[in-house]
Amino acid sequence: MQKAMEQQATAERLKRAMILEAEGKKEAMIREAEGKLEAAKKEAEAQIMLAEASAKAIEDIAVAVGDKELPALFLLGDRYVNAIQKLSASPNTKNFVLPADILGAVKGIAGRSM
């Protein structure tokens, strides 16, 4: 009788331990998901802020220059040059191919027609 009671108590402790472990895993998964959601929201906010900053930069350049097309071309050219710099600085870069119309792109950035 005592052995049966001990087995029942052991089984009950095991059951509680398994339940606590399952609840802990569930809580960890929930917190991880909440963290990922919060990170995604922050990333979206950052993307919006970057887009607004780009729009403001285009607007400021347009006001300073008085042209509608040139500011957008300037920012596009600036990003193009920055992207090329990042690509060329990569340790994986062995060969670097520039587009055939690089001269036209540079002249476009400068606001000159070909």
Protein backbone atom coordinates (compact mmCIF):
# COMPACT_ATOMS: atom_id res chain seq x y z
CA MET A 1 0.00 0.00 0.00
CA GLN A 2 2.80 2.40 0.91
CA LYS A 3 4.66 1.55 -2.30
CA ALA A 4 1.54 2.33 -4.34
CA MET A 5 1.21 5.70 -2.55
CA GLU A 6 4.88 6.48 -3.24
CA GLN A 7 4.43 5.60 -6.91
CA GLN A 8 1.33 7.80 -7.08
CA ALA A 9 3.22 10.71 -5.45
CA THR A 10 6.14 10.21 -7.84
CA ALA A 11 3.77 10.14 -10.80
CA GLU A 12 2.08 13.32 -9.54
CA ARG A 13 5.46 15.12 -9.19
CA LEU A 14 6.46 13.99 -12.66
CA LYS A 15 3.16 15.21 -14.06
CA ARG A 16 3.59 18.63 -12.42
CA ALA A 17 7.18 18.85 -13.67
CA MET A 18 6.10 18.08 -17.24
CA ILE A 19 3.29 20.63 -17.05
CA LEU A 20 5.67 23.30 -15.73
CA GLU A 21 8.20 22.52 -18.44
CA ALA A 22 5.51 22.72 -21.15
CA GLU A 23 4.23 26.02 -19.75
CA GLY A 24 7.78 27.38 -19.68
CA LYS A 25 8.36 26.43 -23.31
CA LYS A 26 5.02 27.98 -24.27
CA GLU A 27 5.87 31.23 -22.46
CA ALA A 28 9.30 31.33 -24.10
CA MET A 29 7.78 30.87 -27.55
CA ILE A 30 5.22 33.59 -26.89
CA ARG A 31 7.89 36.03 -25.73
CA GLU A 32 10.08 35.22 -28.72
CA ALA A 33 7.17 35.82 -31.09
CA GLU A 34 6.35 39.10 -29.36
CA GLY A 35 9.98 40.15 -29.69
CA LYS A 36 9.98 39.37 -33.40
CA LEU A 37 6.75 41.31 -33.85
CA GLU A 38 8.17 44.33 -32.01
CA ALA A 39 11.36 44.16 -34.10
CA ALA A 40 9.31 44.03 -37.30
CA LYS A 41 7.29 47.05 -36.19
CA LYS A 42 10.48 48.99 -35.43
CA GLU A 43 11.95 48.01 -38.80
CA ALA A 44 8.80 49.23 -40.55
CA GLU A 45 8.97 52.52 -38.65
CA ALA A 46 12.62 52.90 -39.66
CA GLN A 47 11.75 52.30 -43.33
CA ILE A 48 9.03 54.95 -43.13
CA MET A 49 11.43 57.42 -41.52
CA LEU A 50 14.03 56.78 -44.24
CA ALA A 51 11.43 57.30 -46.97
CA GLU A 52 10.27 60.53 -45.35
CA ALA A 53 13.88 61.71 -45.05
CA SER A 54 14.48 60.97 -48.75
CA ALA A 55 11.32 62.85 -49.69
CA LYS A 56 12.42 65.81 -47.57
CA ALA A 57 15.87 65.76 -49.17
CA ILE A 58 14.35 65.76 -52.66
CA GLU A 59 12.06 68.62 -51.67
CA ASP A 60 14.95 70.65 -50.21
CA ILE A 61 17.08 70.16 -53.31
CA ALA A 62 14.16 71.04 -55.57
CA VAL A 63 13.60 74.28 -53.65
CA ALA A 64 17.30 75.14 -53.79
CA VAL A 65 17.73 74.29 -57.47
CA GLY A 66 14.28 75.19 -58.75
CA ASP A 67 14.01 72.10 -60.91
CA LYS A 68 11.67 69.13 -60.63
CA GLU A 69 13.81 66.43 -62.23
CA LEU A 70 17.34 67.31 -61.15
CA PRO A 71 16.91 66.68 -57.39
CA ALA A 72 15.60 63.17 -57.96
CA LEU A 73 18.43 62.47 -60.39
CA PHE A 74 20.94 63.83 -57.90
CA LEU A 75 19.73 61.58 -55.09
CA LEU A 76 19.48 58.62 -57.43
CA GLY A 77 23.03 59.25 -58.64
CA ASP A 78 24.26 59.67 -55.07
CA ARG A 79 22.75 56.33 -54.06
CA TYR A 80 24.14 54.75 -57.22
CA VAL A 81 27.66 55.92 -56.39
CA ASN A 82 27.32 54.78 -52.76
CA ALA A 83 26.11 51.36 -53.88
CA ILE A 84 29.08 51.03 -56.24
CA GLN A 85 31.45 51.99 -53.41
CA LYS A 86 29.94 49.35 -51.13
CA LEU A 87 30.14 46.70 -53.83
CA SER A 88 33.75 47.49 -54.67
CA ALA A 89 34.77 47.43 -50.99
CA SER A 90 33.41 43.93 -50.46
CA PRO A 91 36.10 41.30 -49.79
CA ASN A 92 34.21 38.95 -52.12
CA THR A 93 34.60 41.30 -55.08
CA LYS A 94 37.11 39.95 -57.57
CA ASN A 95 35.71 41.50 -60.73
CA PHE A 96 33.58 44.59 -60.81
CA VAL A 97 31.49 45.35 -63.88
CA LEU A 98 30.07 48.81 -64.39
CA PRO A 99 27.09 49.45 -66.64
CA ALA A 100 27.81 50.44 -70.21
CA ASP A 101 26.15 53.83 -69.78
CA ILE A 102 28.21 54.91 -66.76
CA LEU A 103 29.23 58.10 -68.58
CA GLY A 104 25.58 58.92 -69.26
CA ALA A 105 24.73 58.28 -65.62
CA VAL A 106 27.51 60.57 -64.42
CA LYS A 107 26.48 63.29 -66.87
CA GLY A 108 22.89 62.87 -65.72
CA ILE A 109 23.97 63.35 -62.13
CA ALA A 110 25.78 66.51 -63.11
CA GLY A 111 22.68 67.74 -64.94
CA ARG A 112 24.27 67.81 -68.36
CA SER A 113 22.73 66.31 -71.46
CA MET A 114 24.70 63.95 -73.64
